[in-house]
């Protein structure tokens, strides 16, 4: 992605999810199961140091939930938190802060 910005637009994460779809279309069926699958793949990539690729997986998982109107707050919070960690590893703190705020907004009790 491009240069860091102080206030990243939400479209940036939608574009990342779109890029992730190009890597493999989501399977039909339960959106929570699809999101969990993408989260697991993102976790694997994160452990291997593939922070950009993991970020795309987490964005795709969030998009799968949103597209289905799924309100799984704990999962959405975890995915946004995972995105924040990826962004910190990529030395993009302003974007990490935005995703950390999204994690708290998704599930304030987390």
PDB file of N, CA and C in Angstrom:
ATOM      1  N   UNK A   1       0.836  -1.172   0.000  1.00  0.00           N
ATOM      2  CA  UNK A   1       0.000   0.000   0.000  1.00  0.00           C
ATOM      3  C   UNK A   1       0.879   1.232   0.000  1.00  0.00           C
ATOM      4  N   UNK A   2       0.284   2.387  -0.150  1.00  0.00           N
ATOM      5  CA  UNK A   2       1.037   3.623  -0.300  1.00  0.00           C
ATOM      6  C   UNK A   2       1.614   4.136   0.993  1.00  0.00           C
ATOM      7  N   UNK A   3       1.887   5.428   1.000  1.00  0.00           N
ATOM      8  CA  UNK A   3       2.487   6.070   2.157  1.00  0.00           C
ATOM      9  C   UNK A   3       1.512   6.097   3.327  1.00  0.00           C
ATOM     10  N   UNK A   4       2.081   6.242   4.502  1.00  0.00           N
ATOM     11  CA  UNK A   4       1.264   6.339   5.703  1.00  0.00           C
ATOM     12  C   UNK A   4       0.518   7.658   5.702  1.00  0.00           C
ATOM     13  N   UNK A   5      -0.658   7.679   6.307  1.00  0.00           N
ATOM     14  CA  UNK A   5      -1.397   8.925   6.447  1.00  0.00           C
ATOM     15  C   UNK A   5      -1.955   9.004   7.862  1.00  0.00           C
ATOM     16  N   UNK A   6      -2.145  10.204   8.337  1.00  0.00           N
ATOM     17  CA  UNK A   6      -2.573  10.394   9.710  1.00  0.00           C
ATOM     18  C   UNK A   6      -3.985   9.867   9.949  1.00  0.00           C
ATOM     19  N   UNK A   7      -4.838   9.955   8.977  1.00  0.00           N
ATOM     20  CA  UNK A   7      -6.222   9.513   9.135  1.00  0.00           C
ATOM     21  C   UNK A   7      -6.614   8.672   7.931  1.00  0.00           C
ATOM     22  N   UNK A   8      -6.358   7.355   7.968  1.00  0.00           N
ATOM     23  CA  UNK A   8      -6.610   6.522   6.808  1.00  0.00           C
ATOM     24  C   UNK A   8      -8.095   6.428   6.489  1.00  0.00           C
ATOM     25  N   UNK A   9      -8.443   6.540   5.211  1.00  0.00           N
ATOM     26  CA  UNK A   9      -9.851   6.436   4.838  1.00  0.00           C
ATOM     27  C   UNK A   9     -10.346   4.999   4.952  1.00  0.00           C
ATOM     28  N   UNK A  10     -11.614   4.821   5.324  1.00  0.00           N
ATOM     29  CA  UNK A  10     -12.168   3.464   5.430  1.00  0.00           C
ATOM     30  C   UNK A  10     -12.096   2.708   4.104  1.00  0.00           C
ATOM     31  N   UNK A  11     -12.098   3.456   2.989  1.00  0.00           N
ATOM     32  CA  UNK A  11     -12.028   2.805   1.682  1.00  0.00           C
ATOM     33  C   UNK A  11     -10.755   1.980   1.536  1.00  0.00           C
ATOM     34  N   UNK A  12      -9.709   2.363   2.256  1.00  0.00           N
ATOM     35  CA  UNK A  12      -8.445   1.628   2.164  1.00  0.00           C
ATOM     36  C   UNK A  12      -8.639   0.169   2.553  1.00  0.00           C
ATOM     37  N   UNK A  13      -9.410  -0.069   3.617  1.00  0.00           N
ATOM     38  CA  UNK A  13      -9.631  -1.433   4.066  1.00  0.00           C
ATOM     39  C   UNK A  13     -10.589  -2.165   3.143  1.00  0.00           C
ATOM     40  N   UNK A  14     -11.524  -1.449   2.539  1.00  0.00           N
ATOM     41  CA  UNK A  14     -12.406  -2.074   1.550  1.00  0.00           C
ATOM     42  C   UNK A  14     -11.586  -2.497   0.339  1.00  0.00           C
ATOM     43  N   UNK A  15     -10.621  -1.669  -0.069  1.00  0.00           N
ATOM     44  CA  UNK A  15      -9.762  -2.022  -1.198  1.00  0.00           C
ATOM     45  C   UNK A  15      -8.906  -3.229  -0.862  1.00  0.00           C
ATOM     46  N   UNK A  16      -8.436  -3.309   0.393  1.00  0.00           N
ATOM     47  CA  UNK A  16      -7.637  -4.463   0.790  1.00  0.00           C
ATOM     48  C   UNK A  16      -8.487  -5.727   0.725  1.00  0.00           C
ATOM     49  N   UNK A  17      -9.739  -5.634   1.144  1.00  0.00           N
ATOM     50  CA  UNK A  17     -10.625  -6.795   1.091  1.00  0.00           C
ATOM     51  C   UNK A  17     -10.873  -7.197  -0.352  1.00  0.00           C
ATOM     52  N   UNK A  18     -10.999  -6.208  -1.225  1.00  0.00           N
ATOM     53  CA  UNK A  18     -11.198  -6.496  -2.639  1.00  0.00           C
ATOM     54  C   UNK A  18      -9.986  -7.226  -3.206  1.00  0.00           C
ATOM     55  N   UNK A  19      -8.782  -6.797  -2.815  1.00  0.00           N
ATOM     56  CA  UNK A  19      -7.557  -7.469  -3.251  1.00  0.00           C
ATOM     57  C   UNK A  19      -7.535  -8.899  -2.737  1.00  0.00           C
ATOM     58  N   UNK A  20      -8.002  -9.109  -1.505  1.00  0.00           N
ATOM     59  CA  UNK A  20      -8.012 -10.447  -0.926  1.00  0.00           C
ATOM     60  C   UNK A  20      -8.955 -11.359  -1.692  1.00  0.00           C
ATOM     61  N   UNK A  21     -10.101 -10.812  -2.136  1.00  0.00           N
ATOM     62  CA  UNK A  21     -11.040 -11.624  -2.919  1.00  0.00           C
ATOM     63  C   UNK A  21     -10.385 -12.134  -4.186  1.00  0.00           C
ATOM     64  N   UNK A  22      -9.500 -11.343  -4.767  1.00  0.00           N
ATOM     65  CA  UNK A  22      -8.826 -11.774  -5.987  1.00  0.00           C
ATOM     66  C   UNK A  22      -7.938 -12.992  -5.723  1.00  0.00           C
ATOM     67  N   UNK A  23      -7.513 -13.170  -4.467  1.00  0.00           N
ATOM     68  CA  UNK A  23      -6.673 -14.309  -4.118  1.00  0.00           C
ATOM     69  C   UNK A  23      -7.479 -15.594  -3.991  1.00  0.00           C
ATOM     70  N   UNK A  24      -8.752 -15.473  -3.760  1.00  0.00           N
ATOM     71  CA  UNK A  24      -9.608 -16.651  -3.616  1.00  0.00           C
ATOM     72  C   UNK A  24     -10.994 -16.234  -3.186  1.00  0.00           C
ATOM     73  N   UNK A  25     -11.989 -16.509  -3.999  1.00  0.00           N
ATOM     74  CA  UNK A  25     -13.359 -16.104  -3.697  1.00  0.00           C
ATOM     75  C   UNK A  25     -13.848 -16.810  -2.443  1.00  0.00           C
ATOM     76  N   UNK A  26     -14.623 -16.111  -1.633  1.00  0.00           N
ATOM     77  CA  UNK A  26     -15.141 -16.729  -0.430  1.00  0.00           C
ATOM     78  C   UNK A  26     -16.100 -17.874  -0.759  1.00  0.00           C
ATOM     79  N   UNK A  27     -16.069 -18.863   0.075  1.00  0.00           N
ATOM     80  CA  UNK A  27     -16.962 -20.005  -0.110  1.00  0.00           C
ATOM     81  C   UNK A  27     -18.380 -19.615   0.275  1.00  0.00           C
ATOM     82  N   UNK A  28     -19.345 -20.196  -0.399  1.00  0.00           N
ATOM     83  CA  UNK A  28     -20.742 -19.948  -0.072  1.00  0.00           C
ATOM     84  C   UNK A  28     -21.072 -20.643   1.240  1.00  0.00           C
ATOM     85  N   UNK A  29     -22.032 -20.118   1.952  1.00  0.00           N
ATOM     86  CA  UNK A  29     -22.442 -20.765   3.191  1.00  0.00           C
ATOM     87  C   UNK A  29     -22.417 -19.831   4.364  1.00  0.00           C
ATOM     88  N   UNK A  30     -22.124 -20.378   5.502  1.00  0.00           N
ATOM     89  CA  UNK A  30     -22.129 -19.654   6.766  1.00  0.00           C
ATOM     90  C   UNK A  30     -21.055 -18.565   6.784  1.00  0.00           C
ATOM     91  N   UNK A  31     -21.468 -17.285   6.918  1.00  0.00           N
ATOM     92  CA  UNK A  31     -20.477 -16.202   6.914  1.00  0.00           C
ATOM     93  C   UNK A  31     -19.525 -16.258   8.108  1.00  0.00           C
ATOM     94  N   UNK A  32     -20.007 -16.756   9.247  1.00  0.00           N
ATOM     95  CA  UNK A  32     -19.126 -16.859  10.408  1.00  0.00           C
ATOM     96  C   UNK A  32     -18.043 -17.901  10.155  1.00  0.00           C
ATOM     97  N   UNK A  33     -18.413 -19.021   9.545  1.00  0.00           N
ATOM     98  CA  UNK A  33     -17.427 -20.059   9.228  1.00  0.00           C
ATOM     99  C   UNK A  33     -16.411 -19.531   8.220  1.00  0.00           C
ATOM    100  N   UNK A  34     -16.884 -18.774   7.236  1.00  0.00           N
ATOM    101  CA  UNK A  34     -15.971 -18.188   6.241  1.00  0.00           C
ATOM    102  C   UNK A  34     -15.035 -17.197   6.915  1.00  0.00           C
ATOM    103  N   UNK A  35     -15.565 -16.371   7.799  1.00  0.00           N
ATOM    104  CA  UNK A  35     -14.725 -15.406   8.514  1.00  0.00           C
ATOM    105  C   UNK A  35     -13.699 -16.120   9.387  1.00  0.00           C
ATOM    106  N   UNK A  36     -14.109 -17.178  10.052  1.00  0.00           N
ATOM    107  CA  UNK A  36     -13.175 -17.952  10.880  1.00  0.00           C
ATOM    108  C   UNK A  36     -12.080 -18.587  10.031  1.00  0.00           C
ATOM    109  N   UNK A  37     -12.446 -19.063   8.837  1.00  0.00           N
ATOM    110  CA  UNK A  37     -11.456 -19.653   7.931  1.00  0.00           C
ATOM    111  C   UNK A  37     -10.421 -18.606   7.535  1.00  0.00           C
ATOM    112  N   UNK A  38     -10.907 -17.428   7.167  1.00  0.00           N
ATOM    113  CA  UNK A  38      -9.991 -16.349   6.763  1.00  0.00           C
ATOM    114  C   UNK A  38      -9.143 -15.881   7.944  1.00  0.00           C
ATOM    115  N   UNK A  39      -9.748 -15.839   9.121  1.00  0.00           N
ATOM    116  CA  UNK A  39      -8.991 -15.453  10.319  1.00  0.00           C
ATOM    117  C   UNK A  39      -7.876 -16.457  10.587  1.00  0.00           C
ATOM    118  N   UNK A  40      -8.183 -17.748  10.490  1.00  0.00           N
ATOM    119  CA  UNK A  40      -7.164 -18.778  10.710  1.00  0.00           C
ATOM    120  C   UNK A  40      -6.030 -18.643   9.708  1.00  0.00           C
ATOM    121  N   UNK A  41      -6.375 -18.374   8.459  1.00  0.00           N
ATOM    122  CA  UNK A  41      -5.335 -18.179   7.436  1.00  0.00           C
ATOM    123  C   UNK A  41      -4.505 -16.941   7.765  1.00  0.00           C
ATOM    124  N   UNK A  42      -5.165 -15.868   8.191  1.00  0.00           N
ATOM    125  CA  UNK A  42      -4.448 -14.653   8.589  1.00  0.00           C
ATOM    126  C   UNK A  42      -3.522 -14.914   9.759  1.00  0.00           C
ATOM    127  N   UNK A  43      -3.986 -15.691  10.728  1.00  0.00           N
ATOM    128  CA  UNK A  43      -3.144 -16.033  11.883  1.00  0.00           C
ATOM    129  C   UNK A  43      -1.904 -16.807  11.448  1.00  0.00           C
ATOM    130  N   UNK A  44      -2.094 -17.753  10.519  1.00  0.00           N
ATOM    131  CA  UNK A  44      -0.957 -18.528  10.012  1.00  0.00           C
ATOM    132  C   UNK A  44       0.045 -17.604   9.323  1.00  0.00           C
ATOM    133  N   UNK A  45      -0.460 -16.727   8.468  1.00  0.00           N
ATOM    134  CA  UNK A  45       0.421 -15.803   7.747  1.00  0.00           C
ATOM    135  C   UNK A  45       1.135 -14.860   8.713  1.00  0.00           C
ATOM    136  N   UNK A  46       0.432 -14.396   9.736  1.00  0.00           N
ATOM    137  CA  UNK A  46       1.039 -13.516  10.728  1.00  0.00           C
ATOM    138  C   UNK A  46       2.209 -14.223  11.414  1.00  0.00           C
ATOM    139  N   UNK A  47       1.981 -15.477  11.839  1.00  0.00           N
ATOM    140  CA  UNK A  47       3.054 -16.241  12.499  1.00  0.00           C
ATOM    141  C   UNK A  47       4.271 -16.394  11.594  1.00  0.00           C
ATOM    142  N   UNK A  48       4.042 -16.450  10.284  1.00  0.00           N
ATOM    143  CA  UNK A  48       5.138 -16.607   9.324  1.00  0.00           C
ATOM    144  C   UNK A  48       5.755 -15.268   8.920  1.00  0.00           C
ATOM    145  N   UNK A  49       5.243 -14.166   9.466  1.00  0.00           N
ATOM    146  CA  UNK A  49       5.784 -12.847   9.139  1.00  0.00           C
ATOM    147  C   UNK A  49       5.157 -12.213   7.918  1.00  0.00           C
ATOM    148  N   UNK A  50       4.090 -12.783   7.398  1.00  0.00           N
ATOM    149  CA  UNK A  50       3.399 -12.226   6.234  1.00  0.00           C
ATOM    150  C   UNK A  50       2.329 -11.242   6.671  1.00  0.00           C
ATOM    151  N   UNK A  51       2.758 -10.109   7.192  1.00  0.00           N
ATOM    152  CA  UNK A  51       1.837  -9.164   7.809  1.00  0.00           C
ATOM    153  C   UNK A  51       0.869  -8.527   6.809  1.00  0.00           C
ATOM    154  N   UNK A  52       1.326  -8.165   5.615  1.00  0.00           N
ATOM    155  CA  UNK A  52       0.434  -7.601   4.588  1.00  0.00           C
ATOM    156  C   UNK A  52      -0.616  -8.624   4.189  1.00  0.00           C
ATOM    157  N   UNK A  53      -0.196  -9.855   3.946  1.00  0.00           N
ATOM    158  CA  UNK A  53      -1.132 -10.903   3.531  1.00  0.00           C
ATOM    159  C   UNK A  53      -2.123 -11.209   4.659  1.00  0.00           C
ATOM    160  N   UNK A  54      -1.650 -11.224   5.892  1.00  0.00           N
ATOM    161  CA  UNK A  54      -2.537 -11.462   7.031  1.00  0.00           C
ATOM    162  C   UNK A  54      -3.574 -10.343   7.129  1.00  0.00           C
ATOM    163  N   UNK A  55      -3.128  -9.116   6.922  1.00  0.00           N
ATOM    164  CA  UNK A  55      -4.024  -7.963   6.944  1.00  0.00           C
ATOM    165  C   UNK A  55      -5.152  -8.137   5.932  1.00  0.00           C
ATOM    166  N   UNK A  56      -4.816  -8.638   4.760  1.00  0.00           N
ATOM    167  CA  UNK A  56      -5.826  -8.884   3.719  1.00  0.00           C
ATOM    168  C   UNK A  56      -6.810  -9.965   4.152  1.00  0.00           C
ATOM    169  N   UNK A  57      -6.320 -11.001   4.784  1.00  0.00           N
ATOM    170  CA  UNK A  57      -7.213 -12.067   5.255  1.00  0.00           C
ATOM    171  C   UNK A  57      -8.188 -11.536   6.295  1.00  0.00           C
ATOM    172  N   UNK A  58      -7.689 -10.754   7.229  1.00  0.00           N
ATOM    173  CA  UNK A  58      -8.563 -10.204   8.260  1.00  0.00           C
ATOM    174  C   UNK A  58      -9.595  -9.251   7.641  1.00  0.00           C
ATOM    175  N   UNK A  59      -9.181  -8.454   6.662  1.00  0.00           N
ATOM    176  CA  UNK A  59     -10.116  -7.554   5.971  1.00  0.00           C
ATOM    177  C   UNK A  59     -11.183  -8.364   5.240  1.00  0.00           C
ATOM    178  N   UNK A  60     -10.775  -9.452   4.600  1.00  0.00           N
ATOM    179  CA  UNK A  60     -11.732 -10.306   3.906  1.00  0.00           C
ATOM    180  C   UNK A  60     -12.716 -10.956   4.862  1.00  0.00           C
ATOM    181  N   UNK A  61     -12.238 -11.322   6.040  1.00  0.00           N
ATOM    182  CA  UNK A  61     -13.119 -11.919   7.051  1.00  0.00           C
ATOM    183  C   UNK A  61     -14.164 -10.908   7.504  1.00  0.00           C
ATOM    184  N   UNK A  62     -13.724  -9.683   7.750  1.00  0.00           N
ATOM    185  CA  UNK A  62     -14.668  -8.634   8.143  1.00  0.00           C
ATOM    186  C   UNK A  62     -15.679  -8.368   7.040  1.00  0.00           C
ATOM    187  N   UNK A  63     -15.214  -8.351   5.805  1.00  0.00           N
ATOM    188  CA  UNK A  63     -16.118  -8.112   4.679  1.00  0.00           C
ATOM    189  C   UNK A  63     -17.145  -9.237   4.561  1.00  0.00           C
ATOM    190  N   UNK A  64     -16.732 -10.470   4.778  1.00  0.00           N
ATOM    191  CA  UNK A  64     -17.666 -11.604   4.707  1.00  0.00           C
ATOM    192  C   UNK A  64     -18.769 -11.444   5.753  1.00  0.00           C
ATOM    193  N   UNK A  65     -18.397 -11.019   6.952  1.00  0.00           N
ATOM    194  CA  UNK A  65     -19.396 -10.805   8.001  1.00  0.00           C
ATOM    195  C   UNK A  65     -20.320  -9.648   7.651  1.00  0.00           C
ATOM    196  N   UNK A  66     -19.740  -8.551   7.188  1.00  0.00           N
ATOM    197  CA  UNK A  66     -20.539  -7.368   6.855  1.00  0.00           C
ATOM    198  C   UNK A  66     -21.480  -7.636   5.687  1.00  0.00           C
ATOM    199  N   UNK A  67     -21.008  -8.345   4.674  1.00  0.00           N
ATOM    200  CA  UNK A  67     -21.822  -8.631   3.495  1.00  0.00           C
ATOM    201  C   UNK A  67     -23.052  -9.457   3.858  1.00  0.00           C
ATOM    202  N   UNK A  68     -22.924 -10.286   4.876  1.00  0.00           N
ATOM    203  CA  UNK A  68     -24.041 -11.133   5.311  1.00  0.00           C
ATOM    204  C   UNK A  68     -24.874 -10.460   6.402  1.00  0.00           C
ATOM    205  N   UNK A  69     -24.476  -9.255   6.804  1.00  0.00           N
ATOM    206  CA  UNK A  69     -25.187  -8.570   7.872  1.00  0.00           C
ATOM    207  C   UNK A  69     -25.001  -9.235   9.223  1.00  0.00           C
ATOM    208  N   UNK A  70     -23.932  -9.981   9.363  1.00  0.00           N
ATOM    209  CA  UNK A  70     -23.648 -10.715  10.589  1.00  0.00           C
ATOM    210  C   UNK A  70     -23.140  -9.753  11.659  1.00  0.00           C
ATOM    211  N   UNK A  71     -23.699  -9.846  12.854  1.00  0.00           N
ATOM    212  CA  UNK A  71     -23.323  -8.970  13.955  1.00  0.00           C
ATOM    213  C   UNK A  71     -22.538  -9.716  15.032  1.00  0.00           C
ATOM    214  N   UNK A  72     -21.600 -10.535  14.629  1.00  0.00           N
ATOM    215  CA  UNK A  72     -20.773 -11.301  15.572  1.00  0.00           C
ATOM    216  C   UNK A  72     -19.735 -10.339  16.142  1.00  0.00           C
ATOM    217  N   UNK A  73     -20.111  -9.635  17.216  1.00  0.00           N
ATOM    218  CA  UNK A  73     -19.297  -8.535  17.734  1.00  0.00           C
ATOM    219  C   UNK A  73     -17.926  -8.972  18.217  1.00  0.00           C
ATOM    220  N   UNK A  74     -17.846 -10.084  18.913  1.00  0.00           N
ATOM    221  CA  UNK A  74     -16.553 -10.531  19.429  1.00  0.00           C
ATOM    222  C   UNK A  74     -15.604 -10.871  18.286  1.00  0.00           C
ATOM    223  N   UNK A  75     -16.104 -11.524  17.253  1.00  0.00           N
ATOM    224  CA  UNK A  75     -15.259 -11.876  16.115  1.00  0.00           C
ATOM    225  C   UNK A  75     -14.822 -10.625  15.367  1.00  0.00           C
ATOM    226  N   UNK A  76     -15.742  -9.685  15.158  1.00  0.00           N
ATOM    227  CA  UNK A  76     -15.379  -8.437  14.477  1.00  0.00           C
ATOM    228  C   UNK A  76     -14.312  -7.683  15.269  1.00  0.00           C
ATOM    229  N   UNK A  77     -14.452  -7.659  16.580  1.00  0.00           N
ATOM    230  CA  UNK A  77     -13.473  -6.989  17.427  1.00  0.00           C
ATOM    231  C   UNK A  77     -12.101  -7.656  17.314  1.00  0.00           C
ATOM    232  N   UNK A  78     -12.096  -8.987  17.352  1.00  0.00           N
ATOM    233  CA  UNK A  78     -10.831  -9.722  17.238  1.00  0.00           C
ATOM    234  C   UNK A  78     -10.168  -9.459  15.895  1.00  0.00           C
ATOM    235  N   UNK A  79     -10.955  -9.460  14.824  1.00  0.00           N
ATOM    236  CA  UNK A  79     -10.389  -9.231  13.489  1.00  0.00           C
ATOM    237  C   UNK A  79      -9.784  -7.835  13.372  1.00  0.00           C
ATOM    238  N   UNK A  80     -10.488  -6.830  13.884  1.00  0.00           N
ATOM    239  CA  UNK A  80      -9.960  -5.467  13.840  1.00  0.00           C
ATOM    240  C   UNK A  80      -8.701  -5.354  14.704  1.00  0.00           C
ATOM    241  N   UNK A  81      -8.687  -6.024  15.845  1.00  0.00           N
ATOM    242  CA  UNK A  81      -7.509  -6.032  16.706  1.00  0.00           C
ATOM    243  C   UNK A  81      -6.321  -6.700  16.007  1.00  0.00           C
ATOM    244  N   UNK A  82      -6.604  -7.796  15.308  1.00  0.00           N
ATOM    245  CA  UNK A  82      -5.542  -8.476  14.554  1.00  0.00           C
ATOM    246  C   UNK A  82      -4.997  -7.576  13.450  1.00  0.00           C
ATOM    247  N   UNK A  83      -5.897  -6.822  12.811  1.00  0.00           N
ATOM    248  CA  UNK A  83      -5.438  -5.874  11.796  1.00  0.00           C
ATOM    249  C   UNK A  83      -4.526  -4.830  12.434  1.00  0.00           C
ATOM    250  N   UNK A  84      -4.897  -4.353  13.611  1.00  0.00           N
ATOM    251  CA  UNK A  84      -4.071  -3.353  14.294  1.00  0.00           C
ATOM    252  C   UNK A  84      -2.673  -3.901  14.568  1.00  0.00           C
ATOM    253  N   UNK A  85      -2.599  -5.157  14.995  1.00  0.00           N
ATOM    254  CA  UNK A  85      -1.287  -5.751  15.268  1.00  0.00           C
ATOM    255  C   UNK A  85      -0.456  -5.856  13.986  1.00  0.00           C
ATOM    256  N   UNK A  86      -1.081  -6.245  12.895  1.00  0.00           N
ATOM    257  CA  UNK A  86      -0.366  -6.306  11.610  1.00  0.00           C
ATOM    258  C   UNK A  86       0.176  -4.931  11.244  1.00  0.00           C
ATOM    259  N   UNK A  87      -0.657  -3.926  11.390  1.00  0.00           N
ATOM    260  CA  UNK A  87      -0.255  -2.570  11.027  1.00  0.00           C
ATOM    261  C   UNK A  87       0.882  -2.067  11.914  1.00  0.00           C
ATOM    262  N   UNK A  88       0.878  -2.444  13.193  1.00  0.00           N
ATOM    263  CA  UNK A  88       2.009  -2.094  14.058  1.00  0.00           C
ATOM    264  C   UNK A  88       3.287  -2.763  13.563  1.00  0.00           C
ATOM    265  N   UNK A  89       3.177  -4.045  13.208  1.00  0.00           N
ATOM    266  CA  UNK A  89       4.353  -4.765  12.695  1.00  0.00           C
ATOM    267  C   UNK A  89       4.859  -4.140  11.399  1.00  0.00           C
ATOM    268  N   UNK A  90       3.951  -3.550  10.621  1.00  0.00           N
ATOM    269  CA  UNK A  90       4.312  -2.901   9.359  1.00  0.00           C
ATOM    270  C   UNK A  90       4.726  -1.437   9.570  1.00  0.00           C
ATOM    271  N   UNK A  91       4.801  -1.030  10.840  1.00  0.00           N
ATOM    272  CA  UNK A  91       5.201   0.326  11.222  1.00  0.00           C
ATOM    273  C   UNK A  91       4.269   1.376  10.622  1.00  0.00           C
ATOM    274  N   UNK A  92       2.962   1.119  10.755  1.00  0.00           N
ATOM    275  CA  UNK A  92       1.926   2.042  10.292  1.00  0.00           C
ATOM    276  C   UNK A  92       1.020   2.363  11.493  1.00  0.00           C
ATOM    277  N   UNK A  93       1.568   3.133  12.465  1.00  0.00           N
ATOM    278  CA  UNK A  93       0.872   3.342  13.736  1.00  0.00           C
ATOM    279  C   UNK A  93      -0.457   4.091  13.637  1.00  0.00           C
ATOM    280  N   UNK A  94      -0.581   5.049  12.750  1.00  0.00           N
ATOM    281  CA  UNK A  94      -1.845   5.787  12.652  1.00  0.00           C
ATOM    282  C   UNK A  94      -2.969   4.860  12.200  1.00  0.00           C
ATOM    283  N   UNK A  95      -2.674   4.005  11.243  1.00  0.00           N
ATOM    284  CA  UNK A  95      -3.673   3.049  10.772  1.00  0.00           C
ATOM    285  C   UNK A  95      -3.965   2.007  11.859  1.00  0.00           C
ATOM    286  N   UNK A  96      -2.930   1.611  12.588  1.00  0.00           N
ATOM    287  CA  UNK A  96      -3.114   0.654  13.685  1.00  0.00           C
ATOM    288  C   UNK A  96      -4.041   1.247  14.745  1.00  0.00           C
ATOM    289  N   UNK A  97      -3.867   2.505  15.043  1.00  0.00           N
ATOM    290  CA  UNK A  97      -4.728   3.157  16.019  1.00  0.00           C
ATOM    291  C   UNK A  97      -6.185   3.154  15.550  1.00  0.00           C
ATOM    292  N   UNK A  98      -6.414   3.394  14.265  1.00  0.00           N
ATOM    293  CA  UNK A  98      -7.781   3.391  13.724  1.00  0.00           C
ATOM    294  C   UNK A  98      -8.410   2.014  13.866  1.00  0.00           C
ATOM    295  N   UNK A  99      -7.650   0.961  13.573  1.00  0.00           N
ATOM    296  CA  UNK A  99      -8.196  -0.398  13.664  1.00  0.00           C
ATOM    297  C   UNK A  99      -8.394  -0.805  15.125  1.00  0.00           C
ATOM    298  N   UNK A 100      -7.513  -0.358  16.027  1.00  0.00           N
ATOM    299  CA  UNK A 100      -7.685  -0.648  17.453  1.00  0.00           C
ATOM    300  C   UNK A 100      -8.953   0.033  17.962  1.00  0.00           C
ATOM    301  N   UNK A 101      -9.203   1.246  17.515  1.00  0.00           N
ATOM    302  CA  UNK A 101     -10.437   1.944  17.889  1.00  0.00           C
ATOM    303  C   UNK A 101     -11.654   1.200  17.352  1.00  0.00           C
ATOM    304  N   UNK A 102     -11.547   0.681  16.126  1.00  0.00           N
ATOM    305  CA  UNK A 102     -12.647  -0.104  15.539  1.00  0.00           C
ATOM    306  C   UNK A 102     -12.897  -1.361  16.346  1.00  0.00           C
ATOM    307  N   UNK A 103     -11.833  -1.974  16.858  1.00  0.00           N
ATOM    308  CA  UNK A 103     -11.981  -3.183  17.683  1.00  0.00           C
ATOM    309  C   UNK A 103     -12.761  -2.869  18.950  1.00  0.00           C
ATOM    310  N   UNK A 104     -12.425  -1.760  19.586  1.00  0.00           N
ATOM    311  CA  UNK A 104     -13.138  -1.361  20.808  1.00  0.00           C
ATOM    312  C   UNK A 104     -14.586  -0.982  20.508  1.00  0.00           C
ATOM    313  N   UNK A 105     -14.810  -0.328  19.376  1.00  0.00           N
ATOM    314  CA  UNK A 105     -16.178   0.074  19.006  1.00  0.00           C
ATOM    315  C   UNK A 105     -17.037  -1.155  18.709  1.00  0.00           C
ATOM    316  N   UNK A 106     -16.448  -2.165  18.103  1.00  0.00           N
ATOM    317  CA  UNK A 106     -17.201  -3.371  17.740  1.00  0.00           C
ATOM    318  C   UNK A 106     -17.673  -4.119  18.979  1.00  0.00           C
ATOM    319  N   UNK A 107     -16.843  -4.144  20.003  1.00  0.00           N
ATOM    320  CA  UNK A 107     -17.186  -4.878  21.222  1.00  0.00           C
ATOM    321  C   UNK A 107     -16.590  -4.134  22.414  1.00  0.00           C
ATOM    322  N   UNK A 108     -17.290  -3.121  22.899  1.00  0.00           N
ATOM    323  CA  UNK A 108     -16.745  -2.267  23.977  1.00  0.00           C
ATOM    324  C   UNK A 108     -16.334  -3.041  25.228  1.00  0.00           C
ATOM    325  N   UNK A 109     -16.891  -4.205  25.442  1.00  0.00           N
ATOM    326  CA  UNK A 109     -16.539  -4.977  26.624  1.00  0.00           C
ATOM    327  C   UNK A 109     -15.242  -5.756  26.487  1.00  0.00           C
ATOM    328  N   UNK A 110     -14.619  -5.675  25.306  1.00  0.00           N
ATOM    329  CA  UNK A 110     -13.388  -6.455  25.090  1.00  0.00           C
ATOM    330  C   UNK A 110     -12.172  -5.777  25.647  1.00  0.00           C
TER     331      UNK A 110
END
